[in-house]
Amino acid sequence: MLHTLDAPAVRSWCQLALRALGQAREEIDALNVYPVPDGDTGTNLYLTVESAAAEVESRFADPGPGPAPGLAETARAMARGALVGARGNSGVILAQWLRGAAEKLADGGGAEQLRAALQRASDAAYQAVAEPVEGTLLTVARTAAREAGRAGDGLGQVAEAAYRAAREALRHTPEQLAVLAENGVVDAGGRGLVAVLGALADAVAGHQPMGPVALREDVRPAGGCELHVRPPGPGHPAFEVIYLLDAPDEALPALRTRLGALGDSLVVGGGDGLWNVHVHVDDAGAAVEAGVEAGRPHQIRITHFAEAAARSGAAADRGEPERPVRAVLSVVSGEGLAELCEQAGAVVLHAEPGRPPASAELTAAVRRAAAREVVLLLNDPELRAAAGAAADQLREEGVRIAVLPTRSPVQGLAALAVHEAGRRFDEDVVAMTSAAGATRYAELAVAEGESWTMAGVCQAGDVLGLIDGDVAVIGAGLAEVGGSVLDRMLGGGGELVTLILGEGAPEGLAEGLVAHARHSRPEVDAVVFHGGQESAPLLIGVE
């Protein structure tokens, strides 16, 4: 348990919040009935926090010649990243909430400073909204701040009190906002803030963003009824307009007045000359012109609600050809693996070691593929949330996309082996999914320090054998552990063993493991590839 929030804890908070929002993204999208039932609040919050986390990571990845980033700098980076990447109504409000928190965390990371940060965050969120509505993220933020102010003296007590109060406030949002009660849901933005505060409590408790992070207790409305999501009514503005604005503080009152007269759901967050503007209007051009009068708008995004809602499935309605251009995009690390995937007909997105691609990179890679149908092979369980957010954006652009959550490159190669572009899209996806699912995967890794695992306690330098993502064997050498892993995997059956050597794998490792497998199972075939991945000296697949 931390006694003081520091820069590494804020970094962990961002990563844990991103993980939690990624796991809850589809659930939050389904809750989205206010202010517009367009089913994207979870995705918008995820993209907002993804941008915040990326900005923080950039400080740690390249700190420069000076000292490591401190709490104030890291908190400001978090807030700026969220502001620049904020999406949608809830995303801009969350960005302003984070900005308010960062202002007070600049004073220190103790319990009293965290109390003040949560109160300032709530105040900033309310100030960003032209017409605050209760039963939303704002109510959840205010309740969390109030209860944090009444908590005990410890940092953990403050963070946990805020989280628990937010969760309880969320349950009662249908009692405050009629549209939530009518649809039997809690507020989507508030649900996202609960995830962010849960991540804060976890970061203060010392949890690290390693492996899957379980969502905290499920949240449901106090009553609960069946969900009936309705499209925006005829009286609702037609467009969502959002842009970044370079403008002096004194230009903001007139801008708020002008935009408030044009539409609703107005949120303006930011400060120090950079603002994120969000509004729903019928005249999108006038909303942008208001920004031009105030300063310099950029990164302008205009969404027509009716077109966005109708875009999904539009290609099928137009009766397009049964066999449109299709691409398979495979995310891999290592030149050898990339070459293998390309030879199998895939477009490759190279993942840098230790830095999985963000949703924007996945989206850009699919766009570069220039195909109307795309099968996305992740080859890493950590990419599921980013891929889900990217896929939602691409579907709005008319791309038919299937995300195959392959957890290892060996599963991706198995899927590619059965890919046939001439098949119908659904049939191809089913065949590739079946092939990947029938491939058990393992990897060898070297422990960096002492840790508890499912196979016992490991020490720095121990070789770990992970089967299907869990540590199953601990030993002293790659050959020894690799042989034990193969024995366990082949004990459940298998006809083909695939070994992919990583960068720095010792000579003779693969040959020795092939001989070991054939000694006990002569009928087993084996193939060896040089993948060149830095993440693991050896990847193993058994089909």
Protein backbone atom coordinates (compact mmCIF):
# COMPACT_ATOMS: atom_id res chain seq x y z
CA MET A 1 0.00 0.00 0.00
CA LEU A 2 1.40 3.37 -1.01
CA HIS A 3 1.48 6.19 1.53
CA THR A 4 2.19 8.83 -1.13
CA LEU A 5 1.09 8.98 -4.73
CA ASP A 6 4.18 9.37 -6.93
CA ALA A 7 4.95 9.46 -10.64
CA PRO A 8 5.22 5.66 -11.09
CA ALA A 9 1.86 5.29 -9.30
CA VAL A 10 0.22 7.75 -11.72
CA ARG A 11 1.75 5.76 -14.57
CA SER A 12 0.27 2.55 -13.12
CA TRP A 13 -3.07 4.33 -12.62
CA CYS A 14 -3.20 5.22 -16.32
CA GLN A 15 -2.32 1.69 -17.40
CA LEU A 16 -4.78 0.07 -14.99
CA ALA A 17 -7.52 2.50 -16.02
CA LEU A 18 -6.89 1.72 -19.68
CA ARG A 19 -7.04 -2.01 -18.92
CA ALA A 20 -10.28 -1.64 -16.95
CA LEU A 21 -11.94 0.52 -19.60
CA GLY A 22 -10.83 -1.90 -22.27
CA GLN A 23 -12.51 -4.77 -20.48
CA ALA A 24 -15.66 -2.73 -19.82
CA ARG A 25 -15.76 -0.93 -23.19
CA GLU A 26 -18.54 -2.97 -24.80
CA GLU A 27 -20.59 -2.96 -21.60
CA ILE A 28 -20.33 0.83 -21.35
CA ASP A 29 -21.21 1.24 -25.04
CA ALA A 30 -24.37 -0.79 -24.40
CA LEU A 31 -25.33 1.49 -21.49
CA ASN A 32 -25.06 4.61 -23.64
CA VAL A 33 -28.56 6.13 -23.88
CA TYR A 34 -27.75 9.70 -22.76
CA PRO A 35 -27.30 12.33 -24.11
CA VAL A 36 -27.46 10.48 -27.46
CA PRO A 37 -28.01 6.71 -27.68
CA ASP A 38 -25.18 6.20 -30.17
CA GLY A 39 -23.43 3.38 -28.30
CA ASP A 40 -19.91 4.81 -28.25
CA THR A 41 -19.28 6.12 -24.72
CA GLY A 42 -17.12 3.15 -23.73
CA THR A 43 -15.04 3.46 -26.87
CA ASN A 44 -14.68 7.24 -26.43
CA LEU A 45 -13.56 6.89 -22.81
CA TYR A 46 -11.09 4.16 -23.76
CA LEU A 47 -9.58 6.32 -26.52
CA THR A 48 -9.37 9.30 -24.14
CA VAL A 49 -7.48 7.34 -21.48
CA GLU A 50 -5.36 5.63 -24.14
CA SER A 51 -4.15 9.06 -25.20
CA ALA A 52 -3.48 10.01 -21.56
CA ALA A 53 -1.52 6.81 -20.95
CA ALA A 54 0.51 7.29 -24.14
CA GLU A 55 1.48 10.83 -23.11
CA VAL A 56 2.63 9.56 -19.70
CA GLU A 57 4.57 6.69 -21.28
CA SER A 58 6.38 9.15 -23.53
CA ARG A 59 7.77 10.87 -20.42
CA PHE A 60 9.13 7.61 -19.04
CA ALA A 61 10.35 6.24 -22.39
CA ASP A 62 12.42 9.33 -23.15
CA PRO A 63 13.00 11.25 -19.90
CA GLY A 64 15.99 13.15 -21.33
CA PRO A 65 19.26 13.86 -19.57
CA GLY A 66 17.64 15.26 -16.44
CA PRO A 67 16.01 13.44 -13.52
CA ALA A 68 13.11 11.04 -13.95
CA PRO A 69 9.70 12.68 -14.30
CA GLY A 70 8.13 13.72 -11.01
CA LEU A 71 4.54 13.61 -9.82
CA ALA A 72 3.56 17.07 -11.07
CA GLU A 73 5.01 16.53 -14.55
CA THR A 74 3.46 13.07 -14.86
CA ALA A 75 0.04 14.28 -13.73
CA ARG A 76 0.19 17.18 -16.20
CA ALA A 77 1.16 14.76 -18.98
CA MET A 78 -1.81 12.57 -18.10
CA ALA A 79 -4.16 15.56 -18.26
CA ARG A 80 -2.73 16.92 -21.51
CA GLY A 81 -2.85 13.53 -23.21
CA ALA A 82 -6.48 13.11 -22.20
CA LEU A 83 -7.36 16.61 -23.43
CA VAL A 84 -5.72 16.14 -26.83
CA GLY A 85 -7.21 12.69 -27.34
CA ALA A 86 -10.63 13.26 -25.77
CA ARG A 87 -13.54 11.77 -27.71
CA GLY A 88 -17.22 12.47 -27.30
CA ASN A 89 -19.12 14.18 -24.53
CA SER A 90 -17.95 11.89 -21.73
CA GLY A 91 -14.37 11.86 -22.98
CA VAL A 92 -14.08 15.65 -22.80
CA ILE A 93 -15.63 15.68 -19.31
CA LEU A 94 -13.25 12.95 -18.14
CA ALA A 95 -10.31 14.87 -19.60
CA GLN A 96 -11.35 17.95 -17.65
CA TRP A 97 -11.78 15.81 -14.52
CA LEU A 98 -8.21 14.56 -14.94
CA ARG A 99 -6.99 18.10 -15.51
CA GLY A 100 -8.57 19.24 -12.27
CA ALA A 101 -6.99 16.34 -10.41
CA ALA A 102 -3.58 17.12 -11.92
CA GLU A 103 -3.74 20.74 -10.72
CA LYS A 104 -3.89 19.64 -7.08
CA LEU A 105 -1.55 16.67 -7.42
CA ALA A 106 1.12 19.20 -8.38
CA ASP A 107 1.11 20.13 -4.67
CA GLY A 108 1.97 16.58 -3.56
CA GLY A 109 0.69 13.04 -3.41
CA GLY A 110 -0.40 12.61 0.20
CA ALA A 111 -3.89 11.79 1.43
CA GLU A 112 -4.86 15.45 1.85
CA GLN A 113 -3.63 16.31 -1.63
CA LEU A 114 -5.60 13.41 -3.10
CA ARG A 115 -8.73 14.63 -1.30
CA ALA A 116 -8.19 18.09 -2.77
CA ALA A 117 -7.46 16.60 -6.20
CA LEU A 118 -10.73 14.66 -6.28
CA GLN A 119 -12.69 17.75 -5.22
CA ARG A 120 -10.96 19.93 -7.79
CA ALA A 121 -11.56 17.26 -10.44
CA SER A 122 -15.28 17.27 -9.70
CA ASP A 123 -15.45 21.08 -9.76
CA ALA A 124 -13.56 21.22 -13.06
CA ALA A 125 -15.87 18.66 -14.66
CA TYR A 126 -18.96 20.66 -13.66
CA GLN A 127 -17.41 23.88 -14.94
CA ALA A 128 -16.71 22.28 -18.33
CA VAL A 129 -20.39 21.49 -18.96
CA ALA A 130 -22.64 24.32 -20.10
CA GLU A 131 -25.78 22.77 -18.58
CA PRO A 132 -24.83 20.17 -15.93
CA VAL A 133 -27.27 17.28 -15.59
CA GLU A 134 -27.49 15.10 -12.48
CA GLY A 135 -27.49 11.33 -12.78
CA THR A 136 -24.40 11.45 -14.96
CA LEU A 137 -20.61 11.23 -14.62
CA LEU A 138 -20.79 14.60 -12.86
CA THR A 139 -22.91 13.22 -10.00
CA VAL A 140 -20.64 10.22 -9.62
CA ALA A 141 -17.58 12.52 -9.48
CA ARG A 142 -19.13 14.84 -6.89
CA THR A 143 -20.19 11.94 -4.63
CA ALA A 144 -16.74 10.38 -4.85
CA ALA A 145 -15.10 13.67 -3.87
CA ARG A 146 -17.48 14.21 -0.96
CA GLU A 147 -16.88 10.78 0.55
CA ALA A 148 -13.14 11.01 -0.04
CA GLY A 149 -13.24 14.16 2.10
CA ARG A 150 -14.77 12.16 4.95
CA ALA A 151 -12.39 9.19 4.73
CA GLY A 152 -9.58 8.30 7.10
CA ASP A 153 -6.08 9.70 7.05
CA GLY A 154 -4.42 7.11 4.80
CA LEU A 155 -3.96 7.49 1.05
CA GLY A 156 -5.52 4.09 0.51
CA GLN A 157 -8.53 4.98 2.63
CA VAL A 158 -9.15 8.10 0.55
CA ALA A 159 -8.83 6.28 -2.79
CA GLU A 160 -11.00 3.35 -1.68
CA ALA A 161 -13.68 5.65 -0.23
CA ALA A 162 -13.86 7.55 -3.51
CA TYR A 163 -14.21 4.35 -5.50
CA ARG A 164 -16.89 2.84 -3.27
CA ALA A 165 -18.87 6.08 -3.17
CA ALA A 166 -18.70 6.36 -6.95
CA ARG A 167 -19.95 2.82 -7.37
CA GLU A 168 -22.88 3.45 -5.06
CA ALA A 169 -23.70 6.77 -6.72
CA LEU A 170 -23.73 5.03 -10.10
CA ARG A 171 -26.33 2.53 -8.91
CA HIS A 172 -28.70 5.40 -8.16
CA THR A 173 -28.25 7.38 -11.37
CA PRO A 174 -31.53 5.98 -12.83
CA GLU A 175 -33.37 7.68 -9.95
CA GLN A 176 -32.01 11.06 -11.11
CA LEU A 177 -32.26 10.81 -14.89
CA ALA A 178 -35.51 9.56 -16.40
CA VAL A 179 -34.03 8.21 -19.63
CA LEU A 180 -31.83 5.85 -17.63
CA ALA A 181 -34.78 4.53 -15.66
CA GLU A 182 -36.81 4.06 -18.85
CA ASN A 183 -34.07 1.90 -20.33
CA GLY A 184 -33.09 0.11 -17.11
CA VAL A 185 -29.45 1.19 -17.21
CA VAL A 186 -26.99 3.21 -15.19
CA ASP A 187 -25.16 6.16 -16.72
CA ALA A 188 -22.48 5.11 -19.20
CA GLY A 189 -20.08 7.96 -18.42
CA GLY A 190 -20.47 7.36 -14.70
CA ARG A 191 -19.70 3.68 -15.24
CA GLY A 192 -16.49 4.73 -16.95
CA LEU A 193 -15.50 6.97 -14.05
CA VAL A 194 -16.10 4.08 -11.63
CA ALA A 195 -13.57 2.07 -13.65
CA VAL A 196 -11.06 4.94 -13.51
CA LEU A 197 -11.48 5.37 -9.73
CA GLY A 198 -11.22 1.61 -9.22
CA ALA A 199 -7.93 1.74 -11.11
CA LEU A 200 -6.75 4.59 -8.85
CA ALA A 201 -7.55 2.53 -5.75
CA ASP A 202 -5.68 -0.42 -7.26
CA ALA A 203 -2.65 1.73 -8.10
CA VAL A 204 -2.54 3.09 -4.54
CA ALA A 205 -2.80 -0.48 -3.25
CA GLY A 206 0.35 -1.25 -5.21
CA HIS A 207 -1.19 -3.33 -7.98
CA GLN A 208 0.85 -3.45 -11.16
CA PRO A 209 -0.61 -3.61 -14.69
CA MET A 210 0.75 -7.09 -15.36
CA GLY A 211 -1.62 -9.65 -16.88
CA PRO A 212 -5.41 -9.39 -16.97
CA VAL A 213 -6.90 -6.99 -14.43
CA ALA A 214 -10.27 -8.17 -13.16
CA LEU A 215 -12.97 -5.54 -13.11
CA ARG A 216 -14.16 -4.69 -9.64
CA GLU A 217 -17.67 -5.55 -8.48
CA ASP A 218 -20.31 -5.45 -11.18
CA VAL A 219 -22.55 -2.42 -11.12
CA ARG A 220 -26.25 -2.54 -11.88
CA PRO A 221 -29.11 -0.08 -11.42
CA ALA A 222 -30.80 -0.07 -8.04
CA GLY A 223 -33.95 -1.44 -9.69
CA GLY A 224 -33.18 -2.95 -13.07
CA CYS A 225 -35.25 -3.72 -16.12
CA GLU A 226 -34.75 -4.72 -19.73
CA LEU A 227 -32.67 -2.44 -21.93
CA HIS A 228 -34.48 -0.76 -24.82
CA VAL A 229 -32.10 1.54 -26.71
CA ARG A 230 -33.85 4.01 -29.00
CA PRO A 231 -32.36 6.03 -31.87
CA PRO A 232 -32.07 9.81 -31.46
CA GLY A 233 -35.45 11.48 -31.79
CA PRO A 234 -36.31 14.00 -34.49
CA GLY A 235 -35.87 16.88 -32.06
CA HIS A 236 -32.23 16.07 -31.35
CA PRO A 237 -29.41 17.95 -33.16
CA ALA A 238 -28.09 16.14 -36.21
CA PHE A 239 -24.32 16.55 -35.75
CA GLU A 240 -21.65 16.05 -33.13
CA VAL A 241 -18.81 18.54 -33.57
CA ILE A 242 -15.56 18.24 -31.65
CA TYR A 243 -12.26 20.04 -32.14
CA LEU A 244 -9.14 21.24 -30.38
CA LEU A 245 -8.92 25.01 -30.10
CA ASP A 246 -5.92 27.26 -29.58
CA ALA A 247 -7.42 30.33 -27.96
CA PRO A 248 -6.82 32.71 -25.03
CA ASP A 249 -8.88 32.26 -21.89
CA GLU A 250 -10.74 35.53 -22.45
CA ALA A 251 -12.20 34.20 -25.74
CA LEU A 252 -14.00 31.32 -24.04
CA PRO A 253 -17.08 33.08 -22.55
CA ALA A 254 -18.18 34.36 -25.96
CA LEU A 255 -17.51 30.95 -27.53
CA ARG A 256 -19.60 29.18 -24.91
CA THR A 257 -22.44 31.65 -25.44
CA ARG A 258 -22.35 31.24 -29.22
CA LEU A 259 -22.20 27.43 -29.14
CA GLY A 260 -24.84 27.24 -26.42
CA ALA A 261 -27.24 29.07 -28.71
CA LEU A 262 -26.44 26.72 -31.60
CA GLY A 263 -27.07 23.39 -29.86
CA ASP A 264 -26.73 21.31 -26.70
CA SER A 265 -24.40 18.87 -24.91
CA LEU A 266 -21.80 21.65 -24.86
CA VAL A 267 -18.58 20.75 -23.06
CA VAL A 268 -15.44 22.90 -23.18
CA GLY A 269 -12.42 21.59 -21.31
CA GLY A 270 -8.78 22.59 -21.12
CA GLY A 271 -6.77 25.66 -20.23
CA ASP A 272 -3.44 27.41 -20.79
CA GLY A 273 -4.45 28.26 -24.35
CA LEU A 274 -5.53 24.74 -25.47
CA TRP A 275 -9.17 23.66 -25.30
CA ASN A 276 -11.24 20.67 -26.34
CA VAL A 277 -14.66 21.74 -27.62
CA HIS A 278 -17.63 19.36 -27.94
CA VAL A 279 -21.18 20.26 -28.98
CA HIS A 280 -24.26 18.74 -30.66
CA VAL A 281 -25.72 21.05 -33.33
CA ASP A 282 -27.77 21.13 -36.52
CA ASP A 283 -25.38 23.57 -38.19
CA ALA A 284 -21.92 22.00 -38.01
CA GLY A 285 -20.38 24.78 -40.09
CA ALA A 286 -21.55 27.44 -37.66
CA ALA A 287 -20.02 25.52 -34.75
CA VAL A 288 -16.65 25.45 -36.51
CA GLU A 289 -16.97 29.13 -37.47
CA ALA A 290 -17.49 29.96 -33.78
CA GLY A 291 -14.15 28.28 -33.09
CA VAL A 292 -12.47 30.29 -35.87
CA GLU A 293 -13.76 33.50 -34.28
CA ALA A 294 -12.33 32.47 -30.91
CA GLY A 295 -8.98 31.17 -32.10
CA ARG A 296 -7.55 28.35 -34.22
CA PRO A 297 -9.57 25.13 -34.34
CA HIS A 298 -7.82 21.95 -35.47
CA GLN A 299 -8.35 18.18 -35.42
CA ILE A 300 -11.97 18.87 -36.32
CA ARG A 301 -14.31 15.83 -36.22
CA ILE A 302 -17.91 16.07 -37.39
CA THR A 303 -20.25 13.09 -37.00
CA HIS A 304 -23.73 12.89 -38.50
CA PHE A 305 -25.66 10.79 -36.00
CA ALA A 306 -28.09 9.27 -38.50
CA GLU A 307 -25.35 8.34 -40.98
CA ALA A 308 -23.17 6.80 -38.26
CA ALA A 309 -26.07 4.69 -37.02
CA ALA A 310 -26.96 3.51 -40.53
CA ARG A 311 -23.42 2.81 -41.70
CA SER A 312 -23.11 -0.58 -40.03
CA GLY A 313 -24.24 -3.23 -42.45
CA ALA A 314 -24.73 -0.73 -45.27
CA ALA A 315 -22.46 -2.64 -47.64
CA ALA A 316 -24.63 -5.74 -47.38
CA ASP A 317 -27.78 -3.67 -47.99
CA ARG A 318 -26.26 -2.30 -51.19
CA GLY A 319 -25.85 -5.80 -52.53
CA GLU A 320 -22.11 -5.54 -53.05
CA PRO A 321 -20.20 -8.48 -54.60
CA GLU A 322 -19.90 -11.68 -52.63
CA ARG A 323 -16.11 -11.69 -52.93
CA PRO A 324 -14.80 -8.17 -52.19
CA VAL A 325 -11.10 -7.42 -51.68
CA ARG A 326 -9.96 -8.93 -48.38
CA ALA A 327 -6.82 -8.56 -46.26
CA VAL A 328 -5.41 -10.30 -43.22
CA LEU A 329 -3.47 -8.00 -40.88
CA SER A 330 -1.10 -9.75 -38.47
CA VAL A 331 0.58 -7.98 -35.54
CA VAL A 332 4.01 -9.47 -34.86
CA SER A 333 7.38 -8.61 -33.35
CA GLY A 334 10.53 -9.96 -35.01
CA GLU A 335 11.74 -9.89 -38.61
CA GLY A 336 11.51 -13.66 -39.03
CA LEU A 337 7.91 -13.78 -37.84
CA ALA A 338 7.02 -10.86 -40.08
CA GLU A 339 8.49 -12.65 -43.10
CA LEU A 340 6.59 -15.85 -42.27
CA CYS A 341 3.29 -13.96 -42.07
CA GLU A 342 3.96 -12.09 -45.30
CA GLN A 343 4.78 -15.33 -47.11
CA ALA A 344 1.42 -16.68 -45.90
CA GLY A 345 -0.35 -13.70 -47.47
CA ALA A 346 -0.76 -11.36 -44.50
CA VAL A 347 -0.13 -7.65 -44.21
CA VAL A 348 2.16 -7.13 -41.22
CA LEU A 349 2.09 -4.52 -38.50
CA HIS A 350 5.41 -4.56 -36.67
CA ALA A 351 5.04 -4.28 -32.88
CA GLU A 352 7.96 -2.75 -31.05
CA PRO A 353 9.24 -4.82 -28.09
CA GLY A 354 7.52 -3.74 -24.88
CA ARG A 355 5.22 -1.29 -26.68
CA PRO A 356 2.10 -2.89 -28.15
CA PRO A 357 0.42 -0.78 -30.84
CA ALA A 358 -2.37 1.56 -29.75
CA SER A 359 -5.81 1.62 -31.33
CA ALA A 360 -4.82 4.50 -33.63
CA GLU A 361 -1.92 2.46 -35.05
CA LEU A 362 -4.19 -0.54 -35.64
CA THR A 363 -6.75 1.70 -37.34
CA ALA A 364 -4.10 3.26 -39.57
CA ALA A 365 -2.70 -0.16 -40.52
CA VAL A 366 -6.14 -1.42 -41.57
CA ARG A 367 -6.71 1.73 -43.62
CA ARG A 368 -3.37 1.21 -45.37
CA ALA A 369 -4.45 -2.31 -46.26
CA ALA A 370 -7.18 -0.66 -48.39
CA ALA A 371 -9.55 -3.63 -48.16
CA ARG A 372 -13.26 -3.70 -47.56
CA GLU A 373 -12.94 -6.92 -45.51
CA VAL A 374 -10.19 -7.39 -42.93
CA VAL A 375 -9.27 -10.22 -40.58
CA LEU A 376 -7.12 -8.90 -37.74
CA LEU A 377 -4.75 -11.35 -36.01
CA LEU A 378 -3.62 -9.85 -32.71
CA ASN A 379 -1.20 -12.57 -31.54
CA ASP A 380 -1.13 -10.94 -28.10
CA PRO A 381 -3.90 -10.91 -25.45
CA GLU A 382 -2.89 -7.40 -24.40
CA LEU A 383 -4.20 -6.01 -27.70
CA ARG A 384 -7.83 -7.02 -27.37
CA ALA A 385 -9.09 -3.73 -25.95
CA ALA A 386 -7.18 -1.54 -28.42
CA ALA A 387 -8.32 -3.76 -31.30
CA GLY A 388 -11.95 -3.55 -30.19
CA ALA A 389 -11.84 0.24 -30.14
CA ALA A 390 -10.14 0.32 -33.56
CA ALA A 391 -12.66 -2.10 -35.03
CA ASP A 392 -15.59 0.03 -33.90
CA GLN A 393 -14.13 3.07 -35.65
CA LEU A 394 -13.41 1.13 -38.83
CA ARG A 395 -16.90 -0.33 -38.99
CA GLU A 396 -18.25 3.22 -38.97
CA GLU A 397 -16.13 3.79 -42.09
CA GLY A 398 -17.73 0.83 -43.83
CA VAL A 399 -14.95 -1.72 -43.27
CA ARG A 400 -16.09 -5.24 -42.49
CA ILE A 401 -13.64 -6.41 -39.86
CA ALA A 402 -13.23 -9.54 -37.74
CA VAL A 403 -10.84 -9.49 -34.79
CA LEU A 404 -9.38 -12.91 -34.07
CA PRO A 405 -8.04 -12.73 -30.50
CA THR A 406 -5.05 -14.99 -31.18
CA ARG A 407 -2.95 -15.00 -28.03
CA SER A 408 0.37 -16.04 -29.58
CA PRO A 409 2.05 -15.86 -32.99
CA VAL A 410 1.82 -19.65 -33.26
CA GLN A 411 -1.96 -19.35 -33.18
CA GLY A 412 -1.76 -16.59 -35.79
CA LEU A 413 0.33 -18.80 -38.08
CA ALA A 414 -2.16 -21.66 -37.65
CA ALA A 415 -4.97 -19.32 -38.67
CA LEU A 416 -3.04 -18.08 -41.70
CA ALA A 417 -2.38 -21.66 -42.80
CA VAL A 418 -6.10 -22.22 -43.48
CA HIS A 419 -6.91 -18.73 -44.82
CA GLU A 420 -8.53 -18.75 -48.26
CA ALA A 421 -9.39 -15.39 -49.80
CA GLY A 422 -11.79 -17.07 -52.24
CA ARG A 423 -14.13 -18.20 -49.48
CA ARG A 424 -16.99 -16.15 -48.16
CA PHE A 425 -15.81 -13.84 -45.39
CA ASP A 426 -17.74 -15.54 -42.59
CA GLU A 427 -16.57 -18.99 -43.67
CA ASP A 428 -12.96 -17.84 -43.79
CA VAL A 429 -13.20 -16.27 -40.33
CA VAL A 430 -14.73 -19.45 -38.85
CA ALA A 431 -12.02 -21.66 -40.39
CA MET A 432 -9.22 -19.38 -39.15
CA THR A 433 -10.76 -19.11 -35.69
CA SER A 434 -11.09 -22.91 -35.46
CA ALA A 435 -7.46 -23.44 -36.49
CA ALA A 436 -6.20 -20.90 -33.95
CA GLY A 437 -8.37 -22.37 -31.20
CA ALA A 438 -7.06 -25.86 -31.90
CA THR A 439 -3.46 -24.71 -31.33
CA ARG A 440 -2.14 -24.78 -27.79
CA TYR A 441 0.62 -22.28 -27.22
CA ALA A 442 3.55 -21.90 -24.87
CA GLU A 443 6.63 -19.78 -24.46
CA LEU A 444 9.87 -19.78 -22.51
CA ALA A 445 10.87 -16.67 -20.60
CA VAL A 446 13.58 -15.67 -18.15
CA ALA A 447 12.44 -14.28 -14.79
CA GLU A 448 13.62 -10.76 -14.04
CA GLY A 449 13.15 -11.06 -10.28
CA GLU A 450 11.59 -13.02 -7.46
CA SER A 451 7.89 -13.63 -7.95
CA TRP A 452 5.02 -15.90 -7.00
CA THR A 453 3.65 -17.99 -9.85
CA MET A 454 1.19 -20.85 -10.28
CA ALA A 455 4.18 -23.19 -10.36
CA GLY A 456 5.77 -21.80 -7.20
CA VAL A 457 8.27 -19.07 -6.38
CA CYS A 458 10.78 -18.12 -9.06
CA GLN A 459 14.04 -16.22 -8.68
CA ALA A 460 15.81 -13.83 -11.02
CA GLY A 461 17.40 -15.81 -13.86
CA ASP A 462 15.06 -18.80 -13.61
CA VAL A 463 13.62 -20.08 -16.87
CA LEU A 464 9.82 -20.08 -16.90
CA GLY A 465 7.69 -22.29 -19.09
CA LEU A 466 4.28 -20.70 -19.72
CA ILE A 467 1.51 -22.85 -21.18
CA ASP A 468 -1.60 -21.04 -22.42
CA GLY A 469 -0.44 -17.94 -20.57
CA ASP A 470 0.19 -19.47 -17.13
CA VAL A 471 3.55 -20.43 -15.60
CA ALA A 472 3.61 -24.23 -15.55
CA VAL A 473 7.34 -25.06 -15.19
CA ILE A 474 10.26 -23.39 -13.43
CA GLY A 475 13.80 -24.56 -14.13
CA ALA A 476 17.41 -23.63 -14.65
CA GLY A 477 17.86 -24.05 -18.41
CA LEU A 478 15.98 -23.47 -21.64
CA ALA A 479 16.40 -27.05 -22.88
CA GLU A 480 15.28 -28.55 -19.56
CA VAL A 481 12.20 -26.36 -19.23
CA GLY A 482 11.38 -26.62 -22.94
CA GLY A 483 11.39 -30.42 -22.72
CA SER A 484 9.08 -30.38 -19.70
CA VAL A 485 6.71 -27.99 -21.44
CA LEU A 486 6.58 -30.19 -24.56
CA ASP A 487 5.90 -33.30 -22.46
CA ARG A 488 2.96 -31.59 -20.77
CA MET A 489 1.53 -30.26 -24.00
CA LEU A 490 1.89 -33.51 -25.93
CA GLY A 491 0.42 -35.43 -23.02
CA GLY A 492 -2.94 -34.02 -24.09
CA GLY A 493 -2.41 -35.14 -27.71
CA GLY A 494 -1.05 -33.38 -30.78
CA GLU A 495 0.28 -34.08 -34.25
CA LEU A 496 2.35 -31.02 -35.15
CA VAL A 497 4.86 -29.10 -33.03
CA THR A 498 5.93 -25.60 -34.11
CA LEU A 499 9.05 -24.06 -32.55
CA ILE A 500 9.81 -20.38 -33.17
CA LEU A 501 13.26 -19.30 -32.03
CA GLY A 502 13.66 -15.83 -30.60
CA GLU A 503 16.57 -13.45 -30.75
CA GLY A 504 19.54 -14.85 -28.85
CA ALA A 505 18.23 -18.43 -28.60
CA PRO A 506 21.22 -20.76 -28.10
CA GLU A 507 22.47 -23.05 -30.86
CA GLY A 508 21.00 -26.51 -30.79
CA LEU A 509 17.98 -25.62 -28.65
CA ALA A 510 15.42 -26.42 -31.34
CA GLU A 511 17.16 -29.56 -32.55
CA GLY A 512 17.37 -30.92 -29.03
CA LEU A 513 13.68 -30.25 -28.37
CA VAL A 514 12.64 -31.87 -31.67
CA ALA A 515 14.64 -34.98 -30.77
CA HIS A 516 13.11 -34.97 -27.29
CA ALA A 517 9.57 -34.80 -28.69
CA ARG A 518 10.16 -37.56 -31.24
CA HIS A 519 11.71 -39.83 -28.64
CA SER A 520 8.44 -40.00 -26.70
CA ARG A 521 6.08 -39.39 -29.63
CA PRO A 522 7.62 -40.70 -32.89
CA GLU A 523 4.46 -39.87 -34.84
CA VAL A 524 4.73 -36.14 -34.13
CA ASP A 525 5.91 -33.82 -36.90
CA ALA A 526 7.93 -30.74 -36.01
CA VAL A 527 8.78 -27.51 -37.81
CA VAL A 528 11.29 -24.89 -36.71
CA PHE A 529 11.31 -21.20 -37.65
CA HIS A 530 13.61 -18.34 -36.71
CA GLY A 531 11.20 -15.63 -35.56
CA GLY A 532 13.68 -13.12 -34.18
CA GLN A 533 11.28 -11.93 -31.45
CA GLU A 534 12.86 -10.28 -28.41
CA SER A 535 9.97 -11.07 -26.07
CA ALA A 536 10.71 -14.78 -25.66
CA PRO A 537 13.65 -17.04 -26.58
CA LEU A 538 11.21 -19.73 -27.74
CA LEU A 539 7.56 -19.94 -28.76
CA ILE A 540 5.89 -23.34 -28.95
CA GLY A 541 2.71 -24.41 -30.68
CA VAL A 542 1.05 -27.83 -30.62
CA GLU A 543 -1.76 -28.68 -33.05
